[in-house]
Amino acid sequence: MSAVEKIKAAAAKLNPDEQFDLFRLWVNSDTFKQRQLAALKRDLAVGIEQLENGRYRTYDDTNVMQLADELIHNGRKRLKKSRKKS
C-alpha cells in the first residue's frame, strides 16, 4: 500500500469535522501553496505561448454570448460526466 493510499485510508476513518480540519491544514500548508503556485505558473506559461503563437480568439458583443453558451454547455456536460463516475 502506497503512502497516499495509507493516508486516504486513515482519513476515511476520521469524522467529518476531523476530515475538515485535516483538509484545512493541508490547504494552508506551504507545500500545498507551492504546488498551487507552480501549477499557476505552468498555466500562465501555456497561455503566454498560445498568445505568442497566435492561438487565441477575440470576442465582441455579437459572439460573447455564444462563448457563454459554449461554456455553460461544456460545464454541464463535464458535471454530468463526473457525477456518473461517482
C-alpha atoms as a PDB file:
ATOM      1  CA  MET A   1       0.000   0.000   0.000  1.00  0.00           C
ATOM      2  CA  SER A   2       1.433   3.375  -1.005  1.00  0.00           C
ATOM      3  CA  ALA A   3       1.788   6.277   1.409  1.00  0.00           C
ATOM      4  CA  VAL A   4      -1.054   8.104  -0.334  1.00  0.00           C
ATOM      5  CA  GLU A   5      -3.329   5.080  -0.008  1.00  0.00           C
ATOM      6  CA  LYS A   6      -2.452   4.808   3.694  1.00  0.00           C
ATOM      7  CA  ILE A   7      -3.254   8.484   4.242  1.00  0.00           C
ATOM      8  CA  LYS A   8      -6.567   8.160   2.385  1.00  0.00           C
ATOM      9  CA  ALA A   9      -7.494   5.086   4.419  1.00  0.00           C
ATOM     10  CA  ALA A  10      -6.650   6.833   7.687  1.00  0.00           C
ATOM     11  CA  ALA A  11      -8.546   9.987   6.684  1.00  0.00           C
ATOM     12  CA  ALA A  12     -11.610   7.920   5.786  1.00  0.00           C
ATOM     13  CA  LYS A  13     -11.764   6.737   9.406  1.00  0.00           C
ATOM     14  CA  LEU A  14     -11.980  10.303  10.733  1.00  0.00           C
ATOM     15  CA  ASN A  15     -15.254  12.012  11.486  1.00  0.00           C
ATOM     16  CA  PRO A  16     -16.288  14.861   9.137  1.00  0.00           C
ATOM     17  CA  ASP A  17     -15.033  17.604  11.473  1.00  0.00           C
ATOM     18  CA  GLU A  18     -11.628  15.955  11.718  1.00  0.00           C
ATOM     19  CA  GLN A  19     -11.548  15.496   7.935  1.00  0.00           C
ATOM     20  CA  PHE A  20     -12.302  19.192   7.506  1.00  0.00           C
ATOM     21  CA  ASP A  21      -9.520  20.135   9.931  1.00  0.00           C
ATOM     22  CA  LEU A  22      -7.093  17.866   8.088  1.00  0.00           C
ATOM     23  CA  PHE A  23      -8.100  19.410   4.751  1.00  0.00           C
ATOM     24  CA  ARG A  24      -7.739  22.936   6.146  1.00  0.00           C
ATOM     25  CA  LEU A  25      -4.277  22.143   7.495  1.00  0.00           C
ATOM     26  CA  TRP A  26      -3.219  20.767   4.100  1.00  0.00           C
ATOM     27  CA  VAL A  27      -4.617  23.753   2.169  1.00  0.00           C
ATOM     28  CA  ASN A  28      -2.810  26.149   4.477  1.00  0.00           C
ATOM     29  CA  SER A  29       0.487  24.255   4.262  1.00  0.00           C
ATOM     30  CA  ASP A  30       3.489  25.670   2.437  1.00  0.00           C
ATOM     31  CA  THR A  31       3.723  22.509   0.325  1.00  0.00           C
ATOM     32  CA  PHE A  32       0.175  22.962  -0.965  1.00  0.00           C
ATOM     33  CA  LYS A  33       0.753  26.639  -1.676  1.00  0.00           C
ATOM     34  CA  GLN A  34       3.992  25.872  -3.547  1.00  0.00           C
ATOM     35  CA  ARG A  35       2.218  23.259  -5.678  1.00  0.00           C
ATOM     36  CA  GLN A  36      -0.627  25.650  -6.446  1.00  0.00           C
ATOM     37  CA  LEU A  37       1.825  28.399  -7.398  1.00  0.00           C
ATOM     38  CA  ALA A  38       3.796  26.015  -9.637  1.00  0.00           C
ATOM     39  CA  ALA A  39       0.586  24.921 -11.383  1.00  0.00           C
ATOM     40  CA  LEU A  40      -0.445  28.546 -11.891  1.00  0.00           C
ATOM     41  CA  LYS A  41       2.959  29.385 -13.374  1.00  0.00           C
ATOM     42  CA  ARG A  42       2.667  26.432 -15.788  1.00  0.00           C
ATOM     43  CA  ASP A  43      -0.820  27.530 -16.853  1.00  0.00           C
ATOM     44  CA  LEU A  44       0.375  31.093 -17.400  1.00  0.00           C
ATOM     45  CA  ALA A  45       3.336  29.887 -19.457  1.00  0.00           C
ATOM     46  CA  VAL A  46       0.991  27.859 -21.664  1.00  0.00           C
ATOM     47  CA  GLY A  47      -1.296  30.862 -22.114  1.00  0.00           C
ATOM     48  CA  ILE A  48       1.593  33.171 -22.996  1.00  0.00           C
ATOM     49  CA  GLU A  49       2.895  30.644 -25.513  1.00  0.00           C
ATOM     50  CA  GLN A  50      -0.560  30.389 -27.095  1.00  0.00           C
ATOM     51  CA  LEU A  51      -0.774  34.175 -27.367  1.00  0.00           C
ATOM     52  CA  GLU A  52       2.691  34.416 -28.898  1.00  0.00           C
ATOM     53  CA  ASN A  53       1.790  31.737 -31.455  1.00  0.00           C
ATOM     54  CA  GLY A  54      -1.477  33.449 -32.380  1.00  0.00           C
ATOM     55  CA  ARG A  55      -3.681  30.734 -30.895  1.00  0.00           C
ATOM     56  CA  TYR A  56      -6.451  32.863 -29.419  1.00  0.00           C
ATOM     57  CA  ARG A  57      -9.839  34.258 -30.328  1.00  0.00           C
ATOM     58  CA  THR A  58     -11.131  37.764 -29.830  1.00  0.00           C
ATOM     59  CA  TYR A  59     -14.697  38.405 -28.739  1.00  0.00           C
ATOM     60  CA  ASP A  60     -17.133  41.226 -29.266  1.00  0.00           C
ATOM     61  CA  ASP A  61     -20.769  41.879 -28.374  1.00  0.00           C
ATOM     62  CA  THR A  62     -22.032  39.541 -31.078  1.00  0.00           C
ATOM     63  CA  ASN A  63     -20.084  36.412 -30.213  1.00  0.00           C
ATOM     64  CA  VAL A  64     -19.514  36.755 -26.461  1.00  0.00           C
ATOM     65  CA  MET A  65     -22.968  35.267 -25.803  1.00  0.00           C
ATOM     66  CA  GLN A  66     -22.033  32.294 -27.975  1.00  0.00           C
ATOM     67  CA  LEU A  67     -18.927  31.832 -25.815  1.00  0.00           C
ATOM     68  CA  ALA A  68     -21.059  31.939 -22.660  1.00  0.00           C
ATOM     69  CA  ASP A  69     -23.436  29.336 -24.100  1.00  0.00           C
ATOM     70  CA  GLU A  70     -20.496  27.073 -25.013  1.00  0.00           C
ATOM     71  CA  LEU A  71     -19.020  27.393 -21.516  1.00  0.00           C
ATOM     72  CA  ILE A  72     -22.353  26.587 -19.883  1.00  0.00           C
ATOM     73  CA  HIS A  73     -22.921  23.607 -22.172  1.00  0.00           C
ATOM     74  CA  ASN A  74     -19.420  22.209 -21.666  1.00  0.00           C
ATOM     75  CA  GLY A  75     -19.564  22.776 -17.920  1.00  0.00           C
ATOM     76  CA  ARG A  76     -22.852  20.928 -17.590  1.00  0.00           C
ATOM     77  CA  LYS A  77     -21.507  18.110 -19.754  1.00  0.00           C
ATOM     78  CA  ARG A  78     -18.401  17.757 -17.549  1.00  0.00           C
ATOM     79  CA  LEU A  79     -20.501  17.891 -14.381  1.00  0.00           C
ATOM     80  CA  LYS A  80     -22.820  15.184 -15.686  1.00  0.00           C
ATOM     81  CA  LYS A  81     -19.839  13.010 -16.645  1.00  0.00           C
ATOM     82  CA  SER A  82     -18.192  13.475 -13.221  1.00  0.00           C
ATOM     83  CA  ARG A  83     -21.431  12.556 -11.425  1.00  0.00           C
ATOM     84  CA  LYS A  84     -21.638   9.307 -13.398  1.00  0.00           C
ATOM     85  CA  LYS A  85     -18.128   8.364 -12.232  1.00  0.00           C
ATOM     86  CA  SER A  86     -19.012   8.958  -8.564  1.00  0.00           C
END
